[in-house]
Amino acid sequence: MSTARARDVSIAIHTHVNSAQSVTPLVARAARAMLDTGIRDVRNQGVLLRDVNDSAQALLDLCFALLDDAKIMPYYFYLCDMIPASEHWRLTLGEAQRLQHQIMGYLPGFATPRMICDVPYVGKRWVHQVARYDTERGISYWTKNYRTGVEAADPLALEREYAYYDPIYMLPEPGQQWWRSRLARPAAPPPAVPGPAAGESRES
C-alpha cells in the first residue's frame, strides 16, 4: 500500500454482505484492518434476495450496520441474475424500484446504495433507467448509452432494446397465463434441408 500511495493510486475493496446479521465484530475488525493499510474505501455490493433483504427495514438495518459498525460503505444492491435455480430469490424490477424509493432520505447521500439491474448485453443500470416496463408480463426493456468495440460500426447500437425478465411466479395471473400459453405452443419444425437437384446426388 505504501507503494500505491506513493504512486497516487486509489484502491477500494468491495465486500459482499446481504443481511445485517452478517456484519459481525470480526467483519468490522477486518474492514478496519484494510482501512488502516491505506485502502481508500471498503464498499459493499450486495444482492437483493427475497426473504433476506427485500424490505426497506431490512435494507436500512443492513446499511446502518455496515456504515456505523464496520465503516463499510453501502454501494450497490443488484437484482439477482437470471440464472438456474434462483427464481425463489429473485425480486421483480418493480419491487427494486419501490425499495429504492423507500430507503431514500434515511441515510447520508454518500451512503445511500443504488438498486441495480445487470442487464444482459447492456451492463449495470439503475433500476429507474428502464426504457419500458410491461409489469403484467414482467418484461423490462433497456437501452445502451455507449458502444463497445464490437458495436463500433453498428448504427442501431444505442437504439436497440434489451430485455430483462421478472420471475414468472410473481406476475399477476394474466401475465402467468401469457407465459404458459407460450410454453404450450408447439415448437417450430427445423428448416427443411434442400434436396439434390435433378441428376445430382447428395454426395456431390
Protein backbone atom coordinates (compact mmCIF):
# COMPACT_ATOMS: atom_id res chain seq x y z
CA MET A 1 0.00 0.00 0.00
CA SER A 2 2.84 2.40 0.63
CA THR A 3 3.86 1.94 -3.00
CA ALA A 4 0.29 2.55 -4.14
CA ARG A 5 0.07 5.76 -2.13
CA ALA A 6 3.44 6.90 -3.43
CA ARG A 7 2.13 6.45 -6.96
CA ASP A 8 -1.16 8.21 -6.15
CA VAL A 9 -3.15 5.05 -6.79
CA SER A 10 -6.55 4.74 -5.10
CA ILE A 11 -7.60 1.24 -4.10
CA ALA A 12 -11.07 0.17 -2.99
CA ILE A 13 -12.20 -3.24 -1.78
CA HIS A 14 -15.75 -4.49 -2.23
CA THR A 15 -17.42 -6.80 0.27
CA HIS A 16 -20.49 -8.94 -0.38
CA VAL A 17 -22.86 -8.74 2.60
CA ASN A 18 -26.61 -9.30 2.22
CA SER A 19 -28.00 -9.17 5.77
CA ALA A 20 -27.34 -7.18 8.92
CA GLN A 21 -26.71 -10.39 10.88
CA SER A 22 -23.60 -10.94 8.77
CA VAL A 23 -21.98 -7.72 9.97
CA THR A 24 -20.19 -9.31 12.91
CA PRO A 25 -17.41 -7.86 15.08
CA LEU A 26 -14.96 -9.97 13.08
CA VAL A 27 -16.15 -8.35 9.84
CA ALA A 28 -15.74 -4.92 11.44
CA ARG A 29 -12.18 -5.72 12.54
CA ALA A 30 -11.29 -6.98 9.08
CA ALA A 31 -12.66 -3.83 7.46
CA ARG A 32 -10.77 -1.65 9.93
CA ALA A 33 -7.56 -3.56 9.20
CA MET A 34 -7.99 -2.91 5.48
CA LEU A 35 -8.68 0.79 6.03
CA ASP A 36 -5.65 1.07 8.31
CA THR A 37 -3.40 -0.09 5.47
CA GLY A 38 -4.38 2.90 3.37
CA ILE A 39 -7.22 1.40 1.36
CA ARG A 40 -9.34 4.36 0.26
CA ASP A 41 -12.74 2.68 0.69
CA VAL A 42 -14.30 -0.59 1.73
CA ARG A 43 -17.64 -0.76 -0.08
CA ASN A 44 -20.44 -3.29 -0.08
CA GLN A 45 -22.08 -4.71 -3.18
CA GLY A 46 -24.97 -6.94 -2.16
CA VAL A 47 -27.76 -8.77 -3.95
CA LEU A 48 -31.47 -8.24 -3.36
CA LEU A 49 -32.80 -11.57 -2.09
CA ARG A 50 -36.37 -12.49 -1.27
CA ASP A 51 -36.99 -13.07 2.45
CA VAL A 52 -33.46 -11.85 3.23
CA ASN A 53 -33.30 -8.13 2.44
CA ASP A 54 -36.47 -7.48 0.43
CA SER A 55 -37.94 -4.84 2.74
CA ALA A 56 -36.91 -1.26 3.41
CA GLN A 57 -36.40 -2.09 7.10
CA ALA A 58 -34.06 -4.99 6.34
CA LEU A 59 -32.05 -2.91 3.89
CA LEU A 60 -31.76 0.03 6.25
CA ASP A 61 -30.72 -2.24 9.13
CA LEU A 62 -28.02 -3.67 6.88
CA CYS A 63 -26.83 -0.29 5.64
CA PHE A 64 -26.60 1.20 9.13
CA ALA A 65 -24.77 -1.88 10.41
CA LEU A 66 -22.28 -1.63 7.54
CA LEU A 67 -21.76 2.10 7.90
CA ASP A 68 -21.81 2.54 11.69
CA ASP A 69 -20.47 -0.77 12.97
CA ALA A 70 -17.97 -1.73 10.28
CA LYS A 71 -17.21 1.53 8.44
CA ILE A 72 -18.17 -0.21 5.18
CA MET A 73 -19.86 1.99 2.59
CA PRO A 74 -23.19 0.72 1.22
CA TYR A 75 -22.72 0.92 -2.55
CA TYR A 76 -24.87 -1.28 -4.82
CA PHE A 77 -27.63 -3.82 -4.42
CA TYR A 78 -28.14 -5.89 -7.53
CA LEU A 79 -31.22 -7.66 -8.73
CA CYS A 80 -30.38 -11.35 -8.76
CA ASP A 81 -29.14 -12.60 -12.13
CA MET A 82 -31.44 -14.73 -14.29
CA ILE A 83 -29.64 -17.98 -13.52
CA PRO A 84 -30.95 -21.52 -12.98
CA ALA A 85 -32.39 -22.40 -9.55
CA SER A 86 -32.55 -18.76 -8.43
CA GLU A 87 -36.20 -17.85 -9.10
CA HIS A 88 -37.17 -18.13 -5.42
CA TRP A 89 -34.54 -15.49 -4.55
CA ARG A 90 -35.32 -13.01 -7.30
CA LEU A 91 -37.29 -9.78 -6.92
CA THR A 92 -39.17 -8.05 -9.70
CA LEU A 93 -37.90 -4.81 -11.16
CA GLY A 94 -40.94 -3.06 -9.66
CA GLU A 95 -40.05 -4.29 -6.18
CA ALA A 96 -36.50 -2.99 -6.57
CA GLN A 97 -37.81 0.39 -7.71
CA ARG A 98 -40.06 0.61 -4.65
CA LEU A 99 -37.19 -0.32 -2.34
CA GLN A 100 -35.03 2.41 -3.84
CA HIS A 101 -37.78 4.93 -3.19
CA GLN A 102 -38.45 3.69 0.35
CA ILE A 103 -34.85 3.97 1.62
CA MET A 104 -34.24 7.47 0.27
CA GLY A 105 -33.70 10.11 2.94
CA TYR A 106 -32.76 7.77 5.80
CA LEU A 107 -29.05 7.53 5.00
CA PRO A 108 -26.47 10.15 4.12
CA GLY A 109 -26.44 10.78 0.39
CA PHE A 110 -22.94 9.36 0.01
CA ALA A 111 -24.02 6.14 1.75
CA THR A 112 -27.37 5.60 0.03
CA PRO A 113 -26.95 2.49 -2.13
CA ARG A 114 -28.27 2.25 -5.66
CA MET A 115 -30.51 -0.60 -6.76
CA ILE A 116 -29.02 -2.02 -9.93
CA CYS A 117 -30.16 -4.33 -12.71
CA ASP A 118 -27.27 -6.02 -14.52
CA VAL A 119 -28.94 -6.31 -17.92
CA PRO A 120 -27.55 -8.93 -20.32
CA TYR A 121 -25.56 -7.28 -23.15
CA VAL A 122 -26.05 -3.84 -21.55
CA GLY A 123 -24.43 -3.91 -18.11
CA LYS A 124 -25.22 -2.15 -14.86
CA ARG A 125 -28.31 0.05 -14.93
CA TRP A 126 -30.01 1.91 -12.09
CA VAL A 127 -33.49 0.42 -11.77
CA HIS A 128 -35.16 3.70 -12.77
CA GLN A 129 -33.24 3.85 -16.06
CA VAL A 130 -35.57 1.31 -17.66
CA ALA A 131 -36.88 2.41 -21.08
CA ARG A 132 -40.15 0.43 -20.97
CA TYR A 133 -41.64 -1.97 -18.44
CA ASP A 134 -44.51 -4.38 -19.06
CA THR A 135 -45.48 -5.16 -15.46
CA GLU A 136 -48.13 -7.72 -16.45
CA ARG A 137 -45.75 -9.91 -18.43
CA GLY A 138 -42.74 -8.98 -16.33
CA ILE A 139 -40.57 -7.81 -19.22
CA SER A 140 -38.43 -4.69 -18.91
CA TYR A 141 -36.61 -3.14 -21.85
CA TRP A 142 -33.29 -1.35 -21.60
CA THR A 143 -31.03 0.64 -23.91
CA LYS A 144 -27.33 1.38 -24.00
CA ASN A 145 -25.65 4.78 -23.89
CA TYR A 146 -22.25 3.61 -25.15
CA ARG A 147 -20.73 1.39 -27.78
CA THR A 148 -18.21 -1.37 -27.24
CA GLY A 149 -15.55 -2.18 -29.80
CA VAL A 150 -17.79 -4.92 -31.16
CA GLU A 151 -20.59 -2.41 -31.79
CA ALA A 152 -18.49 0.46 -33.10
CA ALA A 153 -19.96 0.22 -36.61
CA ASP A 154 -23.50 -0.69 -35.53
CA PRO A 155 -25.77 2.31 -36.25
CA LEU A 156 -28.56 0.85 -34.07
CA ALA A 157 -26.41 0.04 -31.04
CA LEU A 158 -27.83 2.89 -28.99
CA GLU A 159 -31.44 2.34 -30.11
CA ARG A 160 -31.77 -1.43 -29.69
CA GLU A 161 -33.71 -2.62 -26.64
CA TYR A 162 -32.54 -5.48 -24.45
CA ALA A 163 -34.91 -7.46 -22.25
CA TYR A 164 -34.77 -8.46 -18.60
CA TYR A 165 -37.42 -10.75 -17.13
CA ASP A 166 -39.13 -10.79 -13.75
CA PRO A 167 -39.70 -14.14 -12.01
CA ILE A 168 -42.87 -15.55 -13.56
CA TYR A 169 -44.42 -16.73 -10.30
CA MET A 170 -44.52 -13.11 -9.09
CA LEU A 171 -46.57 -11.91 -12.06
CA PRO A 172 -50.32 -11.29 -11.98
CA GLU A 173 -52.40 -14.20 -13.26
CA PRO A 174 -52.90 -12.76 -16.79
CA GLY A 175 -49.12 -12.48 -17.13
CA GLN A 176 -48.53 -16.00 -15.87
CA GLN A 177 -51.18 -17.27 -18.30
CA TRP A 178 -49.43 -15.49 -21.17
CA TRP A 179 -46.19 -17.28 -20.37
CA ARG A 180 -47.98 -20.62 -20.02
CA SER A 181 -49.53 -20.12 -23.43
CA ARG A 182 -46.11 -19.56 -24.94
CA LEU A 183 -44.80 -22.71 -23.31
CA ALA A 184 -47.74 -24.68 -24.71
CA ARG A 185 -47.06 -23.64 -28.30
CA PRO A 186 -45.66 -26.45 -30.45
CA ALA A 187 -42.04 -26.00 -31.29
CA ALA A 188 -41.40 -24.74 -34.81
CA PRO A 189 -40.11 -27.52 -37.10
CA PRO A 190 -36.49 -27.24 -38.14
CA PRO A 191 -35.91 -25.67 -41.55
CA ALA A 192 -36.07 -28.14 -44.40
CA VAL A 193 -32.80 -29.21 -45.96
CA PRO A 194 -32.98 -28.67 -49.73
CA GLY A 195 -32.84 -31.92 -51.65
CA PRO A 196 -30.42 -32.54 -54.51
CA ALA A 197 -31.23 -31.04 -57.84
CA ALA A 198 -32.32 -33.34 -60.62
CA GLY A 199 -29.47 -35.53 -61.76
CA GLU A 200 -27.39 -34.82 -58.62
CA SER A 201 -26.69 -36.98 -55.61
CA ARG A 202 -26.28 -35.75 -52.05
CA GLU A 203 -22.65 -36.85 -52.15
CA SER A 204 -21.92 -34.41 -54.93
